[in-house]
Amino acid sequence: MCTGGSPSSNGSQAEENNEHEQEQAATEQGEQALRTAIGSSTPEEILAEYGKNLKLLTLNSQVAELLTIIRDKNTSRSDFKFYADRLIRLVIEESLNQLPYSDCDVETPTGAIYQGLKYRSGNCGVSIIRSGEAMEQGLRDCCRSIRIGKILVESDANTHEARVVYARFPDDIGSRQVLLMYPIMSTGNTVLKAVNVLREHGVPEECIILSNLFCTPVAARTVVTAFPRMQILTSELHPVAPNHFGQKYFGTD
């Protein structure tokens, strides 16, 4: 009666399992080392690595808590959406700081003159469907009646190549400052396609600000290499992106 494989086959299987465990442990150690290196990077080091146009949201305790809650698999969808909206608002407001401003003097109710600032006219948002739509309300909460365009980028089922299948913008988008909204960048390929479409519609590269929540180092290098004059604002550089974001935010997981 046969009760199992031969001693040699059992030994080979054990060796394979051991090799797999060692490879997995080495991968986990490598990822942990990369996380630690990124987390401990100073602004000057990030500037040297990715260029002056990549900016990170200041990692204070509040931001760290939001990142933790969003990544926690036990977070309920209602909590996930609530805290994701908080993080989106912080990223959007910091992105608005990158827009051009003009000096502006106003008269106060007491008759005094106050020397302040105002946005230069001609800003708009563009969301990359679908996860980018999660950021639209945050932009509207900060900029009333701002115009928002949309881009849909899909991956071919066979080749996995990203392609643009839909784009709708304000007619004069070529003369506007554009806040491109996309929360998750794992490879950067979707953003590359979207930016190319904006450039085809006359938007200069330096007039685009990418508002992003989670970005991998691979995606950051890809995008800053392709578009060194485009500004990028993200809350986190991390080797593992929370790719469940869109599904959980919209309740489709």
Protein backbone atom coordinates (compact mmCIF):
# COMPACT_ATOMS: atom_id res chain seq x y z
CA MET A 1 0.00 0.00 0.00
CA CYS A 2 1.27 3.44 -0.94
CA THR A 3 1.24 5.87 2.00
CA GLY A 4 3.18 8.80 0.51
CA GLY A 5 5.94 9.86 -1.83
CA SER A 6 9.41 8.43 -1.89
CA PRO A 7 11.97 9.70 0.63
CA SER A 8 13.78 11.52 -2.16
CA SER A 9 10.61 13.31 -3.33
CA ASN A 10 9.69 14.23 0.23
CA GLY A 11 13.17 15.59 0.73
CA SER A 12 12.98 17.65 -2.46
CA GLN A 13 9.62 19.08 -1.39
CA ALA A 14 11.02 20.02 2.01
CA GLU A 15 13.98 21.74 0.36
CA GLU A 16 11.66 23.67 -1.97
CA ASN A 17 9.48 24.74 0.95
CA ASN A 18 12.55 25.84 2.88
CA GLU A 19 13.86 27.83 -0.09
CA HIS A 20 10.46 29.47 -0.55
CA GLU A 21 10.32 30.45 3.12
CA GLN A 22 13.84 31.89 2.91
CA GLU A 23 12.97 33.87 -0.22
CA GLN A 24 9.78 35.17 1.39
CA ALA A 25 11.67 36.18 4.53
CA ALA A 26 14.32 37.94 2.46
CA THR A 27 11.62 39.79 0.50
CA GLU A 28 9.87 40.88 3.70
CA GLN A 29 13.19 42.04 5.19
CA GLY A 30 13.94 43.99 2.02
CA GLU A 31 10.52 45.65 2.03
CA GLN A 32 10.86 46.51 5.72
CA ALA A 33 14.30 48.03 5.14
CA LEU A 34 12.91 50.10 2.27
CA ARG A 35 9.97 51.27 4.38
CA THR A 36 12.36 52.30 7.14
CA ALA A 37 14.66 54.09 4.70
CA ILE A 38 11.78 56.02 3.14
CA GLY A 39 10.19 56.83 6.47
CA SER A 40 13.45 58.22 7.84
CA SER A 41 14.30 60.26 4.74
CA THR A 42 14.67 63.96 5.28
CA PRO A 43 13.12 66.51 2.87
CA GLU A 44 16.62 67.18 1.55
CA GLU A 45 17.17 63.48 0.78
CA ILE A 46 13.81 63.19 -0.95
CA LEU A 47 14.64 66.33 -2.94
CA ALA A 48 17.95 64.81 -4.06
CA GLU A 49 16.31 61.49 -5.01
CA TYR A 50 13.15 62.64 -6.78
CA GLY A 51 13.67 66.31 -7.62
CA LYS A 52 12.24 69.55 -6.29
CA ASN A 53 8.74 69.04 -7.71
CA LEU A 54 7.87 66.01 -5.55
CA LYS A 55 6.49 67.17 -2.21
CA LEU A 56 5.37 65.10 0.77
CA LEU A 57 2.62 66.12 3.16
CA THR A 58 4.17 66.85 6.56
CA LEU A 59 4.07 63.55 8.48
CA ASN A 60 2.69 64.66 11.83
CA SER A 61 0.81 62.44 14.27
CA GLN A 62 -2.57 63.26 12.70
CA VAL A 63 -1.46 62.25 9.21
CA ALA A 64 0.23 59.09 10.53
CA GLU A 65 -3.02 58.06 12.25
CA LEU A 66 -5.05 58.61 9.07
CA LEU A 67 -2.59 56.51 7.05
CA THR A 68 -2.78 53.76 9.66
CA ILE A 69 -6.59 53.66 9.74
CA ILE A 70 -6.87 53.57 5.96
CA ARG A 71 -4.40 50.67 5.71
CA ASP A 72 -5.96 48.64 8.56
CA LYS A 73 -7.91 45.68 7.12
CA ASN A 74 -10.27 45.81 10.13
CA THR A 75 -11.42 49.38 9.45
CA SER A 76 -15.13 49.49 8.61
CA ARG A 77 -16.18 51.08 5.33
CA SER A 78 -17.89 54.02 7.07
CA ASP A 79 -14.74 54.77 9.08
CA PHE A 80 -12.56 54.20 6.01
CA LYS A 81 -14.50 56.77 3.99
CA PHE A 82 -14.58 59.29 6.85
CA TYR A 83 -10.83 59.18 7.47
CA ALA A 84 -10.00 58.96 3.76
CA ASP A 85 -11.99 62.16 3.23
CA ARG A 86 -9.97 63.82 5.99
CA LEU A 87 -6.70 62.83 4.33
CA ILE A 88 -7.99 63.93 0.93
CA ARG A 89 -8.87 67.34 2.34
CA LEU A 90 -5.35 67.78 3.74
CA VAL A 91 -3.76 66.79 0.43
CA ILE A 92 -6.07 69.04 -1.60
CA GLU A 93 -5.41 72.04 0.64
CA GLU A 94 -1.65 71.53 0.41
CA SER A 95 -1.97 71.13 -3.37
CA LEU A 96 -3.74 74.49 -3.52
CA ASN A 97 -0.66 76.01 -1.89
CA GLN A 98 1.25 75.13 -5.06
CA LEU A 99 -1.02 77.28 -7.26
CA PRO A 100 0.05 80.79 -8.32
CA TYR A 101 -1.26 83.72 -6.26
CA SER A 102 -1.40 87.46 -6.86
CA ASP A 103 -1.12 90.35 -4.41
CA CYS A 104 -4.50 91.78 -3.48
CA ASP A 105 -5.48 94.79 -1.34
CA VAL A 106 -8.95 94.81 0.24
CA GLU A 107 -10.77 97.30 2.41
CA THR A 108 -11.94 95.97 5.77
CA PRO A 109 -15.28 96.93 7.44
CA THR A 110 -13.36 99.44 9.58
CA GLY A 111 -12.01 101.19 6.50
CA ALA A 112 -8.46 99.88 6.81
CA ILE A 113 -6.58 98.45 3.84
CA TYR A 114 -5.45 94.85 4.19
CA GLN A 115 -2.63 93.57 1.97
CA GLY A 116 -3.42 89.98 1.09
CA LEU A 117 -3.39 87.37 -1.66
CA LYS A 118 -5.84 85.81 -4.09
CA TYR A 119 -5.75 82.93 -6.53
CA ARG A 120 -4.93 83.80 -10.07
CA SER A 121 -7.94 83.01 -12.24
CA GLY A 122 -8.06 79.87 -14.35
CA ASN A 123 -7.85 76.81 -12.09
CA CYS A 124 -9.63 73.51 -12.64
CA GLY A 125 -9.59 69.94 -11.42
CA VAL A 126 -9.32 66.73 -13.42
CA SER A 127 -10.02 63.35 -11.82
CA ILE A 128 -8.83 60.02 -13.17
CA ILE A 129 -11.92 57.77 -13.07
CA ARG A 130 -12.81 55.96 -10.88
CA SER A 131 -10.75 56.28 -7.71
CA GLY A 132 -9.85 59.88 -8.55
CA GLU A 133 -13.52 60.80 -8.20
CA ALA A 134 -13.16 60.21 -4.45
CA MET A 135 -11.13 63.44 -4.34
CA GLU A 136 -13.59 65.66 -6.20
CA GLN A 137 -15.70 66.63 -3.19
CA GLY A 138 -12.61 67.61 -1.24
CA LEU A 139 -11.67 70.00 -4.04
CA ARG A 140 -15.21 71.42 -4.24
CA ASP A 141 -15.22 71.93 -0.46
CA CYS A 142 -12.13 74.13 -0.84
CA CYS A 143 -12.97 75.82 -4.16
CA ARG A 144 -16.64 76.57 -4.70
CA SER A 145 -17.94 76.07 -8.26
CA ILE A 146 -14.54 74.98 -9.60
CA ARG A 147 -14.80 73.17 -12.92
CA ILE A 148 -13.78 69.49 -12.95
CA GLY A 149 -12.89 67.35 -15.97
CA LYS A 150 -12.52 63.58 -16.13
CA ILE A 151 -10.21 61.00 -17.71
CA LEU A 152 -10.86 57.26 -17.89
CA VAL A 153 -7.78 55.05 -18.30
CA GLU A 154 -8.22 51.29 -18.63
CA SER A 155 -5.75 48.41 -18.95
CA ASP A 156 -6.02 46.05 -21.89
CA ALA A 157 -7.11 42.61 -20.69
CA ASN A 158 -4.50 40.86 -22.83
CA THR A 159 -1.51 43.20 -22.94
CA HIS A 160 -2.19 45.04 -19.63
CA GLU A 161 -1.20 48.24 -21.41
CA ALA A 162 -2.94 51.36 -20.12
CA ARG A 163 -5.02 53.31 -22.66
CA VAL A 164 -7.28 56.35 -22.47
CA VAL A 165 -10.89 55.55 -23.40
CA TYR A 166 -12.62 58.77 -22.30
CA ALA A 167 -11.65 62.37 -21.62
CA ARG A 168 -13.83 65.42 -20.98
CA PHE A 169 -12.36 68.84 -20.12
CA PRO A 170 -13.34 72.51 -20.07
CA ASP A 171 -12.88 73.94 -23.57
CA ASP A 172 -10.16 76.33 -22.39
CA ILE A 173 -8.22 73.83 -20.29
CA GLY A 174 -5.02 74.68 -22.16
CA SER A 175 -4.97 78.08 -20.43
CA ARG A 176 -5.72 76.76 -16.93
CA GLN A 177 -3.80 75.46 -13.93
CA VAL A 178 -4.84 71.82 -13.53
CA LEU A 179 -5.09 69.79 -10.31
CA LEU A 180 -4.92 66.17 -11.50
CA MET A 181 -6.47 63.92 -8.85
CA TYR A 182 -5.51 60.26 -8.46
CA PRO A 183 -5.18 58.65 -5.01
CA ILE A 184 -3.10 55.52 -5.68
CA MET A 185 0.07 55.31 -7.77
CA SER A 186 1.59 51.82 -7.87
CA THR A 187 3.43 51.97 -11.20
CA GLY A 188 2.68 55.48 -12.49
CA ASN A 189 1.50 54.20 -15.90
CA THR A 190 -2.06 55.50 -15.52
CA VAL A 191 -0.81 58.96 -14.60
CA LEU A 192 1.57 58.99 -17.57
CA LYS A 193 -1.34 58.35 -19.94
CA ALA A 194 -3.50 61.02 -18.27
CA VAL A 195 -0.77 63.66 -18.38
CA ASN A 196 -0.11 62.94 -22.05
CA VAL A 197 -3.80 63.55 -22.80
CA LEU A 198 -3.69 66.86 -20.92
CA ARG A 199 -0.61 67.90 -22.89
CA GLU A 200 -2.38 66.96 -26.14
CA HIS A 201 -5.12 69.40 -25.09
CA GLY A 202 -2.57 72.18 -24.70
CA VAL A 203 -1.87 72.06 -20.95
CA PRO A 204 1.82 72.82 -20.27
CA GLU A 205 3.54 70.27 -18.06
CA GLU A 206 4.46 72.91 -15.48
CA CYS A 207 0.77 73.88 -15.15
CA ILE A 208 -0.20 70.42 -13.83
CA ILE A 209 -0.23 69.56 -10.11
CA LEU A 210 -0.78 65.90 -9.29
CA SER A 211 -2.71 65.45 -6.04
CA ASN A 212 -2.04 61.94 -4.73
CA LEU A 213 -2.55 60.03 -1.47
CA PHE A 214 -0.30 56.97 -1.79
CA CYS A 215 2.72 56.60 -4.05
CA THR A 216 5.34 53.88 -4.40
CA PRO A 217 8.99 54.80 -5.01
CA VAL A 218 8.79 53.03 -8.39
CA ALA A 219 5.84 55.17 -9.47
CA ALA A 220 7.50 58.35 -8.18
CA ARG A 221 10.64 57.70 -10.23
CA THR A 222 8.60 56.82 -13.31
CA VAL A 223 6.51 60.00 -13.19
CA VAL A 224 9.25 62.49 -12.24
CA THR A 225 11.50 61.05 -14.96
CA ALA A 226 8.80 61.41 -17.62
CA PHE A 227 7.51 64.81 -16.44
CA PRO A 228 10.20 66.60 -14.40
CA ARG A 229 8.38 69.96 -14.56
CA MET A 230 5.07 68.64 -13.19
CA GLN A 231 4.48 69.11 -9.47
CA ILE A 232 3.46 66.10 -7.36
CA LEU A 233 1.96 66.29 -3.88
CA THR A 234 1.48 63.02 -1.99
CA SER A 235 0.94 62.01 1.62
CA GLU A 236 3.20 58.97 1.58
CA LEU A 237 6.03 57.24 -0.27
CA HIS A 238 5.74 53.52 0.51
CA PRO A 239 6.72 50.37 -1.42
CA VAL A 240 3.28 48.79 -0.91
CA ALA A 241 0.28 50.81 -2.12
CA PRO A 242 -3.20 50.20 -0.63
CA ASN A 243 -4.74 49.14 -3.93
CA HIS A 244 -8.03 48.32 -2.21
CA PHE A 245 -8.68 52.05 -1.78
CA GLY A 246 -11.18 52.57 -4.61
CA GLN A 247 -13.15 49.41 -3.92
CA LYS A 248 -13.49 50.12 -0.21
CA TYR A 249 -14.20 53.83 -0.63
CA PHE A 250 -17.06 53.20 -3.07
CA GLY A 251 -18.24 49.99 -1.39
CA THR A 252 -17.52 47.67 -4.31
CA ASP A 253 -15.16 45.26 -2.55
